[in-house]
N, C-alpha and C. Protein backbone atom coordinates (compact mmCIF):
# COMPACT_ATOMS: atom_id res chain seq x y z
N MET A 1 -12.72 3.77 7.40
CA MET A 1 -11.45 3.54 8.05
C MET A 1 -11.64 2.45 9.11
N HIS A 2 -10.65 1.60 9.19
CA HIS A 2 -10.69 0.51 10.16
C HIS A 2 -9.42 0.54 11.00
N MET A 3 -9.58 0.39 12.29
CA MET A 3 -8.44 0.35 13.18
C MET A 3 -8.13 -1.09 13.53
N ARG A 4 -6.85 -1.43 13.50
CA ARG A 4 -6.40 -2.77 13.90
C ARG A 4 -5.21 -2.63 14.83
N ASN A 5 -5.07 -3.60 15.71
CA ASN A 5 -3.91 -3.68 16.57
C ASN A 5 -2.88 -4.60 15.92
N ILE A 6 -1.64 -4.16 15.93
CA ILE A 6 -0.55 -4.94 15.33
C ILE A 6 0.63 -4.90 16.28
N ARG A 7 1.38 -5.98 16.31
CA ARG A 7 2.61 -5.99 17.09
C ARG A 7 3.75 -5.54 16.20
N VAL A 8 4.45 -4.50 16.64
CA VAL A 8 5.60 -3.96 15.92
C VAL A 8 6.77 -4.00 16.90
N ASN A 9 7.80 -4.75 16.53
CA ASN A 9 8.94 -4.94 17.43
C ASN A 9 8.50 -5.48 18.78
N GLY A 10 7.49 -6.33 18.77
CA GLY A 10 7.02 -6.95 20.00
C GLY A 10 6.07 -6.09 20.82
N LYS A 11 5.82 -4.85 20.39
CA LYS A 11 4.92 -3.96 21.12
C LYS A 11 3.63 -3.78 20.34
N ARG A 12 2.52 -3.73 21.06
CA ARG A 12 1.22 -3.56 20.42
C ARG A 12 1.01 -2.09 20.06
N THR A 13 0.58 -1.88 18.83
CA THR A 13 0.25 -0.53 18.37
C THR A 13 -1.01 -0.60 17.52
N SER A 14 -1.68 0.52 17.38
CA SER A 14 -2.91 0.59 16.58
C SER A 14 -2.64 1.39 15.32
N MET A 15 -3.25 0.94 14.24
CA MET A 15 -3.17 1.67 12.98
C MET A 15 -4.56 1.76 12.38
N LYS A 16 -4.87 2.93 11.83
CA LYS A 16 -6.17 3.16 11.21
C LYS A 16 -5.95 3.39 9.73
N LEU A 17 -6.46 2.46 8.92
CA LEU A 17 -6.32 2.51 7.46
C LEU A 17 -7.66 2.23 6.80
N MET A 18 -7.77 2.63 5.54
CA MET A 18 -8.97 2.30 4.77
C MET A 18 -8.93 0.82 4.41
N SER A 19 -10.08 0.26 4.12
CA SER A 19 -10.18 -1.16 3.78
C SER A 19 -9.25 -1.55 2.66
N VAL A 20 -9.19 -0.72 1.60
CA VAL A 20 -8.34 -1.03 0.46
C VAL A 20 -6.86 -1.03 0.87
N GLU A 21 -6.50 -0.22 1.83
CA GLU A 21 -5.11 -0.20 2.30
C GLU A 21 -4.79 -1.47 3.08
N TRP A 22 -5.71 -1.92 3.92
CA TRP A 22 -5.51 -3.18 4.64
C TRP A 22 -5.42 -4.34 3.65
N GLU A 23 -6.28 -4.33 2.64
CA GLU A 23 -6.26 -5.38 1.62
C GLU A 23 -4.93 -5.38 0.87
N SER A 24 -4.41 -4.20 0.58
CA SER A 24 -3.11 -4.10 -0.10
C SER A 24 -2.01 -4.69 0.76
N LEU A 25 -2.02 -4.38 2.05
CA LEU A 25 -1.01 -4.93 2.95
C LEU A 25 -1.13 -6.45 3.06
N GLU A 26 -2.36 -6.94 3.09
CA GLU A 26 -2.57 -8.39 3.15
C GLU A 26 -2.04 -9.06 1.88
N GLU A 27 -2.22 -8.41 0.73
CA GLU A 27 -1.70 -8.97 -0.51
C GLU A 27 -0.17 -8.98 -0.51
N ILE A 28 0.43 -7.91 -0.01
CA ILE A 28 1.90 -7.86 0.09
C ILE A 28 2.38 -8.98 1.00
N CYS A 29 1.72 -9.17 2.13
CA CYS A 29 2.10 -10.24 3.06
C CYS A 29 2.03 -11.61 2.38
N ALA A 30 0.98 -11.84 1.61
CA ALA A 30 0.83 -13.12 0.92
C ALA A 30 1.93 -13.31 -0.12
N ARG A 31 2.22 -12.25 -0.88
CA ARG A 31 3.26 -12.32 -1.90
C ARG A 31 4.64 -12.55 -1.30
N GLU A 32 4.89 -11.93 -0.16
CA GLU A 32 6.22 -11.98 0.46
C GLU A 32 6.32 -13.06 1.55
N ASN A 33 5.24 -13.81 1.76
CA ASN A 33 5.21 -14.86 2.77
C ASN A 33 5.60 -14.33 4.15
N MET A 34 4.91 -13.25 4.56
CA MET A 34 5.18 -12.60 5.84
C MET A 34 3.86 -12.42 6.58
N THR A 35 3.95 -12.27 7.89
CA THR A 35 2.78 -11.88 8.66
C THR A 35 2.66 -10.36 8.61
N MET A 36 1.51 -9.86 8.99
CA MET A 36 1.31 -8.41 9.04
C MET A 36 2.30 -7.77 10.02
N SER A 37 2.50 -8.43 11.15
CA SER A 37 3.44 -7.90 12.14
C SER A 37 4.87 -7.85 11.59
N GLU A 38 5.26 -8.89 10.87
CA GLU A 38 6.60 -8.90 10.27
C GLU A 38 6.76 -7.77 9.25
N LEU A 39 5.73 -7.58 8.43
CA LEU A 39 5.80 -6.54 7.40
C LEU A 39 5.89 -5.15 8.03
N VAL A 40 5.02 -4.87 8.99
CA VAL A 40 5.01 -3.54 9.60
C VAL A 40 6.28 -3.31 10.42
N THR A 41 6.81 -4.36 11.04
CA THR A 41 8.08 -4.24 11.76
C THR A 41 9.20 -3.90 10.78
N LYS A 42 9.18 -4.52 9.61
CA LYS A 42 10.18 -4.22 8.57
C LYS A 42 10.07 -2.77 8.12
N ILE A 43 8.85 -2.31 7.87
CA ILE A 43 8.63 -0.93 7.45
C ILE A 43 9.10 0.02 8.54
N ASP A 44 8.79 -0.30 9.78
CA ASP A 44 9.20 0.53 10.91
C ASP A 44 10.73 0.64 11.00
N ALA A 45 11.41 -0.46 10.77
CA ALA A 45 12.87 -0.48 10.85
C ALA A 45 13.52 0.32 9.71
N GLU A 46 12.86 0.38 8.56
CA GLU A 46 13.43 1.04 7.39
C GLU A 46 13.06 2.52 7.28
N ARG A 47 12.11 2.99 8.08
CA ARG A 47 11.67 4.38 7.91
C ARG A 47 12.73 5.35 8.41
N GLN A 48 12.82 6.45 7.69
CA GLN A 48 13.77 7.50 8.04
C GLN A 48 13.06 8.84 7.98
N ASP A 49 13.34 9.68 8.92
CA ASP A 49 12.77 11.04 8.93
C ASP A 49 11.25 11.04 8.83
N CYS A 50 10.62 10.06 9.44
CA CYS A 50 9.16 9.97 9.41
C CYS A 50 8.68 9.49 10.78
N ASP A 51 7.93 10.34 11.45
CA ASP A 51 7.43 9.97 12.78
C ASP A 51 6.11 9.22 12.71
N ASN A 52 5.44 9.25 11.58
CA ASN A 52 4.12 8.68 11.43
C ASN A 52 4.21 7.29 10.79
N LEU A 53 4.11 6.24 11.59
CA LEU A 53 4.21 4.87 11.08
C LEU A 53 3.10 4.57 10.08
N THR A 54 1.89 5.01 10.36
CA THR A 54 0.78 4.74 9.45
C THR A 54 1.04 5.35 8.07
N GLY A 55 1.54 6.58 8.05
CA GLY A 55 1.88 7.22 6.78
C GLY A 55 2.96 6.46 6.04
N CYS A 56 3.95 5.96 6.78
CA CYS A 56 5.04 5.19 6.16
C CYS A 56 4.50 3.89 5.57
N VAL A 57 3.55 3.27 6.24
CA VAL A 57 2.95 2.03 5.75
C VAL A 57 2.21 2.30 4.44
N ARG A 58 1.48 3.41 4.39
CA ARG A 58 0.77 3.77 3.16
C ARG A 58 1.74 3.99 2.00
N VAL A 59 2.81 4.72 2.25
CA VAL A 59 3.79 5.00 1.20
C VAL A 59 4.48 3.70 0.77
N TYR A 60 4.78 2.82 1.72
CA TYR A 60 5.42 1.54 1.39
C TYR A 60 4.55 0.74 0.42
N ALA A 61 3.25 0.65 0.74
CA ALA A 61 2.34 -0.12 -0.12
C ALA A 61 2.26 0.51 -1.51
N LEU A 62 2.18 1.83 -1.58
CA LEU A 62 2.14 2.51 -2.87
C LEU A 62 3.39 2.21 -3.68
N CYS A 63 4.56 2.35 -3.05
CA CYS A 63 5.82 2.08 -3.74
C CYS A 63 5.95 0.62 -4.16
N TYR A 64 5.48 -0.29 -3.31
CA TYR A 64 5.53 -1.72 -3.62
C TYR A 64 4.78 -2.02 -4.91
N PHE A 65 3.56 -1.51 -5.01
CA PHE A 65 2.75 -1.81 -6.18
C PHE A 65 3.19 -1.00 -7.40
N ARG A 66 3.75 0.18 -7.21
CA ARG A 66 4.30 0.93 -8.35
C ARG A 66 5.47 0.16 -8.94
N LYS A 67 6.31 -0.40 -8.07
CA LYS A 67 7.45 -1.19 -8.55
C LYS A 67 6.95 -2.43 -9.28
N ALA A 68 5.96 -3.11 -8.72
CA ALA A 68 5.40 -4.31 -9.36
C ALA A 68 4.81 -3.95 -10.72
N ALA A 69 4.14 -2.80 -10.80
CA ALA A 69 3.54 -2.39 -12.07
C ALA A 69 4.61 -2.08 -13.11
N SER A 70 5.73 -1.54 -12.68
CA SER A 70 6.78 -1.20 -13.64
C SER A 70 7.46 -2.45 -14.20
N LEU A 71 7.34 -3.57 -13.49
CA LEU A 71 7.93 -4.82 -13.95
C LEU A 71 7.01 -5.58 -14.90
N SER A 72 5.74 -5.21 -14.93
CA SER A 72 4.79 -5.91 -15.80
C SER A 72 4.61 -5.12 -17.09
N GLU A 73 3.76 -5.64 -17.95
CA GLU A 73 3.52 -4.98 -19.23
C GLU A 73 2.79 -3.66 -19.01
N PRO A 74 3.07 -2.68 -19.84
CA PRO A 74 2.42 -1.37 -19.66
C PRO A 74 0.92 -1.45 -19.87
N MET A 75 0.22 -0.57 -19.18
CA MET A 75 -1.22 -0.47 -19.33
C MET A 75 -1.52 0.16 -20.69
N PRO A 76 -2.63 -0.23 -21.32
CA PRO A 76 -2.97 0.42 -22.58
C PRO A 76 -3.24 1.90 -22.34
N ARG A 77 -2.85 2.72 -23.29
CA ARG A 77 -3.05 4.16 -23.16
C ARG A 77 -4.53 4.50 -23.26
N HIS A 78 -4.92 5.50 -22.50
CA HIS A 78 -6.28 6.00 -22.57
C HIS A 78 -6.47 6.70 -23.91
N ARG A 79 -7.58 6.45 -24.55
CA ARG A 79 -7.86 7.07 -25.85
C ARG A 79 -8.60 8.38 -25.64
N PRO A 80 -7.98 9.50 -25.95
CA PRO A 80 -8.64 10.80 -25.75
C PRO A 80 -9.90 10.96 -26.58
N THR A 81 -10.02 10.26 -27.71
CA THR A 81 -11.22 10.40 -28.54
C THR A 81 -12.45 9.91 -27.80
N THR A 82 -12.29 8.88 -26.97
CA THR A 82 -13.41 8.37 -26.18
C THR A 82 -13.86 9.42 -25.18
N ALA A 83 -12.91 10.07 -24.54
CA ALA A 83 -13.26 11.11 -23.56
C ALA A 83 -13.96 12.27 -24.24
N MET A 84 -13.53 12.61 -25.45
CA MET A 84 -14.15 13.71 -26.18
C MET A 84 -15.56 13.35 -26.60
N ALA A 85 -15.78 12.08 -26.93
CA ALA A 85 -17.13 11.67 -27.33
C ALA A 85 -18.11 11.84 -26.18
N PHE A 86 -17.67 11.52 -24.97
CA PHE A 86 -18.54 11.69 -23.80
C PHE A 86 -18.77 13.16 -23.51
N ALA A 87 -17.73 13.98 -23.70
CA ALA A 87 -17.86 15.41 -23.42
C ALA A 87 -18.83 16.06 -24.41
N ALA A 88 -18.91 15.55 -25.64
CA ALA A 88 -19.78 16.14 -26.64
C ALA A 88 -21.24 15.81 -26.41
N GLU A 89 -21.52 14.75 -25.70
CA GLU A 89 -22.91 14.33 -25.50
C GLU A 89 -23.67 15.20 -24.55
């Protein structure tokens, strides 16, 4: 887990996220041409019934990439026969 300071609505706040979560937010910022502060301020403004900003940021990133995945081609299905072959060994 890594803690970073971010400005949200002009105020400094700290958030502690895993490296992969920070990388996901950085990718969203690059795709949307936003700074980290702009993105987190947007998430903060849109959150409802949630007191935990860090949790809202995590859910936002998950939903962002789920939506992106639904717009692309489907992933190939996992072949159960392969899993059974490993289980038999």
